Amino acid sequence: MLGLSITAIGLRPFEDCLNIFQTLQEPLHLDFLELAIGSQCPVEFDYPNIPLILHNSCLYRKNFRLRLNLLRPKTWQAYADFIANHDVRAVSLHPPRQRDCTKQELEIALLKLEEALNIPVYTEVMPSPEYWCSSEETLVDRALLVDVSHILIWHRGDRALTQQTCLNLLDRAGAIHLSHNSGYADTHDLIPQDIWFTDCIQNWARDRFVTYESLPIAYGKHERLDKLSRRAPLQHNRYDTHKTQSCRALPALGETKV
């Protein structure tokens, strides 16, 4: 399935985000909406009959953010209640810092959360080394949310290594986030037209949840409002202009650059 994240179009009233989603639903072939940080996603809102994914602590009740803390089961109930009353297909979330739990404790908590919510739970690969799942060596033995732009940060903007790592992780990925940056900060830039994963998207979406976490450059007028207001003229020479490899999985890396 292919979807769009509130993160890509947010900092607008939620109703405006929903209108943008509906505008882009046909041209981008969108199947679901990901509720995420960017605009408040109220539990009280009358959501249309479309599949949803919940990303991290995305829900609000009366302007109060409902935290989803993997290590605090008491925070799970609000999300379980929302899921019980809406067409939610999966939850994805950020793993905790490595200092906060062991890998085994994290994997047990993920299993318990998935049992409590009764839908798939995916753990996102992170760009910062203090978190679990911030390198190949710190990944959990659970289904992953592979964020392409986070892996670009792992490799300091090296696009070939980013592509190789992403393809190596496909078998472990239940979900994928699509975005772009320079390799040094998670800036959620518009996605260049000829970036390497363009021809992979439809294939990936056959058996995974693939989410635009920023918009393709052709739809930049709907970009997240803060970025739209300050975006300078695009410099096309920053972007990928060649696809260097096919979309099949590659042999494992001998060494991961972090």
C-alpha atoms as a PDB file:
ATOM      1  CA  MET A   1       0.000   0.000   0.000  1.00  0.00           C
ATOM      2  CA  LEU A   2       1.119   3.545  -0.729  1.00  0.00           C
ATOM      3  CA  GLY A   3       0.348   6.477   1.530  1.00  0.00           C
ATOM      4  CA  LEU A   4       1.055  10.076   2.508  1.00  0.00           C
ATOM      5  CA  SER A   5       2.197  11.337   5.902  1.00  0.00           C
ATOM      6  CA  ILE A   6       0.844  14.399   7.656  1.00  0.00           C
ATOM      7  CA  THR A   7       4.521  15.281   8.160  1.00  0.00           C
ATOM      8  CA  ALA A   8       4.805  16.015   4.427  1.00  0.00           C
ATOM      9  CA  ILE A   9       1.885  18.446   4.274  1.00  0.00           C
ATOM     10  CA  GLY A  10       1.414  19.636   7.848  1.00  0.00           C
ATOM     11  CA  LEU A  11       1.542  22.818   9.918  1.00  0.00           C
ATOM     12  CA  ARG A  12      -1.903  23.509   8.564  1.00  0.00           C
ATOM     13  CA  PRO A  13      -5.305  22.853  10.141  1.00  0.00           C
ATOM     14  CA  PHE A  14      -6.022  19.131   9.941  1.00  0.00           C
ATOM     15  CA  GLU A  15      -8.989  19.750   7.629  1.00  0.00           C
ATOM     16  CA  ASP A  16      -6.633  21.417   5.136  1.00  0.00           C
ATOM     17  CA  CYS A  17      -4.246  18.453   5.332  1.00  0.00           C
ATOM     18  CA  LEU A  18      -7.125  16.112   4.601  1.00  0.00           C
ATOM     19  CA  ASN A  19      -8.123  18.200   1.575  1.00  0.00           C
ATOM     20  CA  ILE A  20      -4.554  18.003   0.255  1.00  0.00           C
ATOM     21  CA  PHE A  21      -4.525  14.240   0.775  1.00  0.00           C
ATOM     22  CA  GLN A  22      -7.751  13.917  -1.206  1.00  0.00           C
ATOM     23  CA  THR A  23      -6.347  16.161  -3.959  1.00  0.00           C
ATOM     24  CA  LEU A  24      -3.228  14.011  -4.266  1.00  0.00           C
ATOM     25  CA  GLN A  25      -4.913  10.661  -3.754  1.00  0.00           C
ATOM     26  CA  GLU A  26      -5.453   9.931  -7.440  1.00  0.00           C
ATOM     27  CA  PRO A  27      -2.246  11.347  -8.991  1.00  0.00           C
ATOM     28  CA  LEU A  28      -0.016   9.699  -6.351  1.00  0.00           C
ATOM     29  CA  HIS A  29      -2.117   6.504  -6.160  1.00  0.00           C
ATOM     30  CA  LEU A  30      -2.527   6.867  -2.398  1.00  0.00           C
ATOM     31  CA  ASP A  31      -4.165   4.087  -0.396  1.00  0.00           C
ATOM     32  CA  PHE A  32      -3.773   5.407   3.155  1.00  0.00           C
ATOM     33  CA  LEU A  33      -3.063   8.468   5.286  1.00  0.00           C
ATOM     34  CA  GLU A  34      -0.353   8.379   7.944  1.00  0.00           C
ATOM     35  CA  LEU A  35      -1.195  10.370  11.058  1.00  0.00           C
ATOM     36  CA  ALA A  36       2.061  11.880  12.286  1.00  0.00           C
ATOM     37  CA  ILE A  37       3.666  14.944  13.795  1.00  0.00           C
ATOM     38  CA  GLY A  38       3.208  18.063  11.680  1.00  0.00           C
ATOM     39  CA  SER A  39      -0.397  18.972  12.424  1.00  0.00           C
ATOM     40  CA  GLN A  40      -2.515  17.941  15.379  1.00  0.00           C
ATOM     41  CA  CYS A  41      -4.401  14.713  14.658  1.00  0.00           C
ATOM     42  CA  PRO A  42      -7.354  14.864  17.080  1.00  0.00           C
ATOM     43  CA  VAL A  43      -8.959  11.694  18.392  1.00  0.00           C
ATOM     44  CA  GLU A  44     -12.270  13.590  18.270  1.00  0.00           C
ATOM     45  CA  PHE A  45     -12.045  14.228  14.506  1.00  0.00           C
ATOM     46  CA  ASP A  46     -14.570  12.479  12.266  1.00  0.00           C
ATOM     47  CA  TYR A  47     -12.061  10.669  10.057  1.00  0.00           C
ATOM     48  CA  PRO A  48     -13.236   9.648   6.580  1.00  0.00           C
ATOM     49  CA  ASN A  49     -13.436   6.015   5.604  1.00  0.00           C
ATOM     50  CA  ILE A  50      -9.811   5.626   4.540  1.00  0.00           C
ATOM     51  CA  PRO A  51      -7.098   3.358   5.940  1.00  0.00           C
ATOM     52  CA  LEU A  52      -4.809   5.007   8.490  1.00  0.00           C
ATOM     53  CA  ILE A  53      -1.354   4.379   9.905  1.00  0.00           C
ATOM     54  CA  LEU A  54      -0.340   5.867  13.250  1.00  0.00           C
ATOM     55  CA  HIS A  55       3.248   7.088  13.474  1.00  0.00           C
ATOM     56  CA  ASN A  56       4.791   7.576  16.885  1.00  0.00           C
ATOM     57  CA  SER A  57       2.996   9.950  19.319  1.00  0.00           C
ATOM     58  CA  CYS A  58       0.686  11.441  16.699  1.00  0.00           C
ATOM     59  CA  LEU A  59      -2.689  11.640  18.453  1.00  0.00           C
ATOM     60  CA  TYR A  60      -4.102  14.634  20.333  1.00  0.00           C
ATOM     61  CA  ARG A  61      -7.041  14.982  22.674  1.00  0.00           C
ATOM     62  CA  LYS A  62      -8.332  18.523  23.223  1.00  0.00           C
ATOM     63  CA  ASN A  63      -4.996  20.006  22.103  1.00  0.00           C
ATOM     64  CA  PHE A  64      -3.040  17.700  24.421  1.00  0.00           C
ATOM     65  CA  ARG A  65      -0.553  15.343  22.812  1.00  0.00           C
ATOM     66  CA  LEU A  66      -1.042  11.693  23.740  1.00  0.00           C
ATOM     67  CA  ARG A  67       2.403  10.196  24.156  1.00  0.00           C
ATOM     68  CA  LEU A  68       2.978   6.635  22.988  1.00  0.00           C
ATOM     69  CA  ASN A  69       5.889   5.396  25.077  1.00  0.00           C
ATOM     70  CA  LEU A  70       6.989   1.880  24.261  1.00  0.00           C
ATOM     71  CA  LEU A  71       8.449   1.414  27.743  1.00  0.00           C
ATOM     72  CA  ARG A  72       5.311   2.666  29.559  1.00  0.00           C
ATOM     73  CA  PRO A  73       2.343   0.393  28.831  1.00  0.00           C
ATOM     74  CA  LYS A  74      -0.075   2.824  30.507  1.00  0.00           C
ATOM     75  CA  THR A  75       0.387   5.130  27.498  1.00  0.00           C
ATOM     76  CA  TRP A  76      -0.813   2.459  25.072  1.00  0.00           C
ATOM     77  CA  GLN A  77      -4.499   2.533  25.959  1.00  0.00           C
ATOM     78  CA  ALA A  78      -5.418   5.747  24.138  1.00  0.00           C
ATOM     79  CA  TYR A  79      -3.950   4.289  20.961  1.00  0.00           C
ATOM     80  CA  ALA A  80      -5.688   0.954  21.468  1.00  0.00           C
ATOM     81  CA  ASP A  81      -9.004   2.799  21.885  1.00  0.00           C
ATOM     82  CA  PHE A  82      -8.460   4.823  18.705  1.00  0.00           C
ATOM     83  CA  ILE A  83      -7.492   1.714  16.744  1.00  0.00           C
ATOM     84  CA  ALA A  84     -10.614  -0.105  17.930  1.00  0.00           C
ATOM     85  CA  ASN A  85     -12.801   2.583  16.361  1.00  0.00           C
ATOM     86  CA  HIS A  86     -10.943   3.360  13.123  1.00  0.00           C
ATOM     87  CA  ASP A  87      -9.483   1.562  10.121  1.00  0.00           C
ATOM     88  CA  VAL A  88      -5.894   1.588  11.382  1.00  0.00           C
ATOM     89  CA  ARG A  89      -3.661  -0.847   9.496  1.00  0.00           C
ATOM     90  CA  ALA A  90      -0.382  -0.465  11.429  1.00  0.00           C
ATOM     91  CA  VAL A  91       1.578   1.533  13.977  1.00  0.00           C
ATOM     92  CA  SER A  92       5.171   2.671  13.543  1.00  0.00           C
ATOM     93  CA  LEU A  93       7.271   4.258  16.231  1.00  0.00           C
ATOM     94  CA  HIS A  94      10.692   5.509  17.207  1.00  0.00           C
ATOM     95  CA  PRO A  95      12.758   3.153  19.351  1.00  0.00           C
ATOM     96  CA  PRO A  96      14.057   4.399  22.712  1.00  0.00           C
ATOM     97  CA  ARG A  97      17.599   5.504  23.448  1.00  0.00           C
ATOM     98  CA  GLN A  98      20.044   2.691  24.046  1.00  0.00           C
ATOM     99  CA  ARG A  99      20.667   3.930  27.587  1.00  0.00           C
ATOM    100  CA  ASP A 100      16.975   3.461  28.442  1.00  0.00           C
ATOM    101  CA  CYS A 101      16.689  -0.290  27.864  1.00  0.00           C
ATOM    102  CA  THR A 102      18.485  -3.355  26.618  1.00  0.00           C
ATOM    103  CA  LYS A 103      17.859  -4.762  23.167  1.00  0.00           C
ATOM    104  CA  GLN A 104      16.044  -7.719  24.711  1.00  0.00           C
ATOM    105  CA  GLU A 105      13.803  -5.430  26.777  1.00  0.00           C
ATOM    106  CA  LEU A 106      13.011  -3.443  23.640  1.00  0.00           C
ATOM    107  CA  GLU A 107      12.083  -6.537  21.644  1.00  0.00           C
ATOM    108  CA  ILE A 108       9.852  -7.839  24.447  1.00  0.00           C
ATOM    109  CA  ALA A 109       8.111  -4.450  24.690  1.00  0.00           C
ATOM    110  CA  LEU A 110       7.518  -4.399  20.928  1.00  0.00           C
ATOM    111  CA  LEU A 111       5.944  -7.844  21.067  1.00  0.00           C
ATOM    112  CA  LYS A 112       3.681  -6.841  23.956  1.00  0.00           C
ATOM    113  CA  LEU A 113       2.632  -3.619  22.222  1.00  0.00           C
ATOM    114  CA  GLU A 114       1.754  -5.520  19.054  1.00  0.00           C
ATOM    115  CA  GLU A 115      -0.335  -7.959  21.093  1.00  0.00           C
ATOM    116  CA  ALA A 116      -2.099  -5.096  22.894  1.00  0.00           C
ATOM    117  CA  LEU A 117      -2.932  -3.195  19.701  1.00  0.00           C
ATOM    118  CA  ASN A 118      -3.633  -6.296  17.587  1.00  0.00           C
ATOM    119  CA  ILE A 119      -2.084  -4.765  14.465  1.00  0.00           C
ATOM    120  CA  PRO A 120       1.482  -4.754  13.088  1.00  0.00           C
ATOM    121  CA  VAL A 121       4.026  -2.536  14.861  1.00  0.00           C
ATOM    122  CA  TYR A 122       7.116  -1.361  12.965  1.00  0.00           C
ATOM    123  CA  THR A 123      10.259   0.100  14.545  1.00  0.00           C
ATOM    124  CA  GLU A 124      11.823   2.983  12.644  1.00  0.00           C
ATOM    125  CA  VAL A 125      15.512   3.139  11.813  1.00  0.00           C
ATOM    126  CA  MET A 126      16.866   6.299  13.419  1.00  0.00           C
ATOM    127  CA  PRO A 127      19.406   8.906  12.246  1.00  0.00           C
ATOM    128  CA  SER A 128      21.028   9.585  15.651  1.00  0.00           C
ATOM    129  CA  PRO A 129      23.441   7.063  17.216  1.00  0.00           C
ATOM    130  CA  GLU A 130      22.061   7.293  20.762  1.00  0.00           C
ATOM    131  CA  TYR A 131      18.925   5.402  19.660  1.00  0.00           C
ATOM    132  CA  TRP A 132      18.378   1.736  19.017  1.00  0.00           C
ATOM    133  CA  CYS A 133      18.088   0.951  15.282  1.00  0.00           C
ATOM    134  CA  SER A 134      20.548   3.703  14.356  1.00  0.00           C
ATOM    135  CA  SER A 135      22.958   1.322  12.590  1.00  0.00           C
ATOM    136  CA  GLU A 136      22.889  -2.182  11.194  1.00  0.00           C
ATOM    137  CA  GLU A 137      24.492  -3.419  14.420  1.00  0.00           C
ATOM    138  CA  THR A 138      21.763  -1.954  16.657  1.00  0.00           C
ATOM    139  CA  LEU A 139      18.700  -3.143  14.737  1.00  0.00           C
ATOM    140  CA  VAL A 140      16.072  -5.120  16.620  1.00  0.00           C
ATOM    141  CA  ASP A 141      14.905  -8.555  15.542  1.00  0.00           C
ATOM    142  CA  ARG A 142      11.451  -7.240  14.699  1.00  0.00           C
ATOM    143  CA  ALA A 143       9.822  -5.796  11.587  1.00  0.00           C
ATOM    144  CA  LEU A 144      11.324  -2.430  10.656  1.00  0.00           C
ATOM    145  CA  LEU A 145      10.220   0.886   9.249  1.00  0.00           C
ATOM    146  CA  VAL A 146      13.079   1.663   6.868  1.00  0.00           C
ATOM    147  CA  ASP A 147      13.389   5.431   6.501  1.00  0.00           C
ATOM    148  CA  VAL A 148      15.429   6.101   3.368  1.00  0.00           C
ATOM    149  CA  SER A 149      16.454   9.604   4.435  1.00  0.00           C
ATOM    150  CA  HIS A 150      17.614   8.415   7.865  1.00  0.00           C
ATOM    151  CA  ILE A 151      19.884   5.882   6.206  1.00  0.00           C
ATOM    152  CA  LEU A 152      21.199   8.684   3.980  1.00  0.00           C
ATOM    153  CA  ILE A 153      22.309  10.361   7.229  1.00  0.00           C
ATOM    154  CA  TRP A 154      23.994   7.126   8.379  1.00  0.00           C
ATOM    155  CA  HIS A 155      26.157   7.380   5.267  1.00  0.00           C
ATOM    156  CA  ARG A 156      26.684  11.178   5.339  1.00  0.00           C
ATOM    157  CA  GLY A 157      24.963  11.681   2.011  1.00  0.00           C
ATOM    158  CA  ASP A 158      26.624   8.787   0.157  1.00  0.00           C
ATOM    159  CA  ARG A 159      23.765   7.808  -2.139  1.00  0.00           C
ATOM    160  CA  ALA A 160      25.268   4.546  -3.392  1.00  0.00           C
ATOM    161  CA  LEU A 161      25.789   3.226   0.152  1.00  0.00           C
ATOM    162  CA  THR A 162      22.324   4.449   1.121  1.00  0.00           C
ATOM    163  CA  GLN A 163      20.758   2.550  -1.745  1.00  0.00           C
ATOM    164  CA  GLN A 164      22.709  -0.604  -0.959  1.00  0.00           C
ATOM    165  CA  THR A 165      21.780  -0.517   2.740  1.00  0.00           C
ATOM    166  CA  CYS A 166      18.099   0.113   2.016  1.00  0.00           C
ATOM    167  CA  LEU A 167      17.936  -2.777  -0.401  1.00  0.00           C
ATOM    168  CA  ASN A 168      19.745  -5.040   2.039  1.00  0.00           C
ATOM    169  CA  LEU A 169      17.089  -4.275   4.666  1.00  0.00           C
ATOM    170  CA  LEU A 170      14.061  -4.912   2.457  1.00  0.00           C
ATOM    171  CA  ASP A 171      13.468  -8.409   3.801  1.00  0.00           C
ATOM    172  CA  ARG A 172      13.212  -6.969   7.314  1.00  0.00           C
ATOM    173  CA  ALA A 173      10.997  -4.028   6.343  1.00  0.00           C
ATOM    174  CA  GLY A 174       7.252  -3.991   6.856  1.00  0.00           C
ATOM    175  CA  ALA A 175       7.123  -0.272   6.107  1.00  0.00           C
ATOM    176  CA  ILE A 176       9.202   2.342   4.274  1.00  0.00           C
ATOM    177  CA  HIS A 177       9.384   6.137   4.621  1.00  0.00           C
ATOM    178  CA  LEU A 178      10.332   8.158   1.548  1.00  0.00           C
ATOM    179  CA  SER A 179      11.952  11.561   1.985  1.00  0.00           C
ATOM    180  CA  HIS A 180      15.151  13.410   1.089  1.00  0.00           C
ATOM    181  CA  ASN A 181      17.933  15.476   2.659  1.00  0.00           C
ATOM    182  CA  SER A 182      21.580  16.420   2.174  1.00  0.00           C
ATOM    183  CA  GLY A 183      22.829  13.578   4.366  1.00  0.00           C
ATOM    184  CA  TYR A 184      23.474  15.659   7.482  1.00  0.00           C
ATOM    185  CA  ALA A 185      20.067  16.621   8.895  1.00  0.00           C
ATOM    186  CA  ASP A 186      16.571  15.152   8.690  1.00  0.00           C
ATOM    187  CA  THR A 187      15.135  18.121   6.782  1.00  0.00           C
ATOM    188  CA  HIS A 188      12.338  16.366   4.867  1.00  0.00           C
ATOM    189  CA  ASP A 189      13.165  18.036   1.565  1.00  0.00           C
ATOM    190  CA  LEU A 190      11.095  17.532  -1.559  1.00  0.00           C
ATOM    191  CA  ILE A 191      11.863  14.250  -3.319  1.00  0.00           C
ATOM    192  CA  PRO A 192      13.783  14.716  -6.594  1.00  0.00           C
ATOM    193  CA  GLN A 193      12.121  13.309  -9.684  1.00  0.00           C
ATOM    194  CA  ASP A 194      15.017  11.051 -10.650  1.00  0.00           C
ATOM    195  CA  ILE A 195      16.088   9.810  -7.224  1.00  0.00           C
ATOM    196  CA  TRP A 196      17.158   6.163  -7.177  1.00  0.00           C
ATOM    197  CA  PHE A 197      14.037   4.726  -5.528  1.00  0.00           C
ATOM    198  CA  THR A 198      11.513   6.232  -7.966  1.00  0.00           C
ATOM    199  CA  ASP A 199      11.171   3.029  -9.982  1.00  0.00           C
ATOM    200  CA  CYS A 200      11.045   0.887  -6.823  1.00  0.00           C
ATOM    201  CA  ILE A 201       7.993   2.446  -5.183  1.00  0.00           C
ATOM    202  CA  GLN A 202       5.219   0.452  -6.825  1.00  0.00           C
ATOM    203  CA  ASN A 203       7.055  -2.828  -6.316  1.00  0.00           C
ATOM    204  CA  TRP A 204       7.779  -2.074  -2.663  1.00  0.00           C
ATOM    205  CA  ALA A 205       4.157  -1.097  -2.047  1.00  0.00           C
ATOM    206  CA  ARG A 206       2.852  -4.503  -3.116  1.00  0.00           C
ATOM    207  CA  ASP A 207       3.633  -6.053   0.255  1.00  0.00           C
ATOM    208  CA  ARG A 208       4.705  -3.140   2.481  1.00  0.00           C
ATOM    209  CA  PHE A 209       3.348   0.161   3.732  1.00  0.00           C
ATOM    210  CA  VAL A 210       5.255   2.793   1.744  1.00  0.00           C
ATOM    211  CA  THR A 211       4.741   6.381   2.881  1.00  0.00           C
ATOM    212  CA  TYR A 212       5.699   9.708   1.334  1.00  0.00           C
ATOM    213  CA  GLU A 213       7.113  11.585   4.337  1.00  0.00           C
ATOM    214  CA  SER A 214       7.879  14.467   2.034  1.00  0.00           C
ATOM    215  CA  LEU A 215       6.322  15.165  -1.343  1.00  0.00           C
ATOM    216  CA  PRO A 216       7.710  14.522  -4.802  1.00  0.00           C
ATOM    217  CA  ILE A 217       9.036  17.763  -6.222  1.00  0.00           C
ATOM    218  CA  ALA A 218       6.232  17.947  -8.804  1.00  0.00           C
ATOM    219  CA  TYR A 219       3.739  18.462  -5.954  1.00  0.00           C
ATOM    220  CA  GLY A 220       5.813  20.998  -4.040  1.00  0.00           C
ATOM    221  CA  LYS A 221       3.005  23.556  -3.846  1.00  0.00           C
ATOM    222  CA  HIS A 222       1.396  21.328  -1.201  1.00  0.00           C
ATOM    223  CA  GLU A 223       4.592  21.034   0.853  1.00  0.00           C
ATOM    224  CA  ARG A 224       4.558  21.411   4.626  1.00  0.00           C
ATOM    225  CA  LEU A 225       3.605  25.018   5.212  1.00  0.00           C
ATOM    226  CA  ASP A 226       6.723  26.191   7.061  1.00  0.00           C
ATOM    227  CA  LYS A 227       9.032  24.811   4.374  1.00  0.00           C
ATOM    228  CA  LEU A 228       6.879  26.163   1.568  1.00  0.00           C
ATOM    229  CA  SER A 229       7.022  29.679   3.002  1.00  0.00           C
ATOM    230  CA  ARG A 230      10.823  29.799   3.211  1.00  0.00           C
ATOM    231  CA  ARG A 231      11.866  27.544   0.360  1.00  0.00           C
ATOM    232  CA  ALA A 232      14.450  29.167  -1.900  1.00  0.00           C
ATOM    233  CA  PRO A 233      14.558  28.455  -5.641  1.00  0.00           C
ATOM    234  CA  LEU A 234      15.519  24.827  -6.093  1.00  0.00           C
ATOM    235  CA  GLN A 235      19.051  24.032  -7.156  1.00  0.00           C
ATOM    236  CA  HIS A 236      18.635  21.058  -9.438  1.00  0.00           C
ATOM    237  CA  ASN A 237      22.295  20.102  -9.301  1.00  0.00           C
ATOM    238  CA  ARG A 238      21.775  18.949  -5.683  1.00  0.00           C
ATOM    239  CA  TYR A 239      19.633  16.078  -6.785  1.00  0.00           C
ATOM    240  CA  ASP A 240      20.172  12.601  -8.107  1.00  0.00           C
ATOM    241  CA  THR A 241      19.992  12.470 -11.882  1.00  0.00           C
ATOM    242  CA  HIS A 242      20.931   8.868 -12.420  1.00  0.00           C
ATOM    243  CA  LYS A 243      19.673   5.553 -11.117  1.00  0.00           C
ATOM    244  CA  THR A 244      22.779   3.524 -10.394  1.00  0.00           C
ATOM    245  CA  GLN A 245      21.412   0.113  -9.519  1.00  0.00           C
ATOM    246  CA  SER A 246      18.328  -2.027  -9.873  1.00  0.00           C
ATOM    247  CA  CYS A 247      15.731  -2.400  -7.119  1.00  0.00           C
ATOM    248  CA  ARG A 248      16.587  -5.959  -6.189  1.00  0.00           C
ATOM    249  CA  ALA A 249      18.276  -6.782  -2.907  1.00  0.00           C
ATOM    250  CA  LEU A 250      22.073  -6.634  -2.929  1.00  0.00           C
ATOM    251  CA  PRO A 251      24.740  -8.642  -1.099  1.00  0.00           C
ATOM    252  CA  ALA A 252      25.369  -7.605   2.484  1.00  0.00           C
ATOM    253  CA  LEU A 253      27.719  -4.726   3.129  1.00  0.00           C
ATOM    254  CA  GLY A 254      31.153  -5.611   4.336  1.00  0.00           C
ATOM    255  CA  GLU A 255      31.301  -2.525   6.529  1.00  0.00           C
ATOM    256  CA  THR A 256      28.701   0.080   7.458  1.00  0.00           C
ATOM    257  CA  LYS A 257      29.752   3.712   7.449  1.00  0.00           C
ATOM    258  CA  VAL A 258      28.166   5.588  10.392  1.00  0.00           C
END
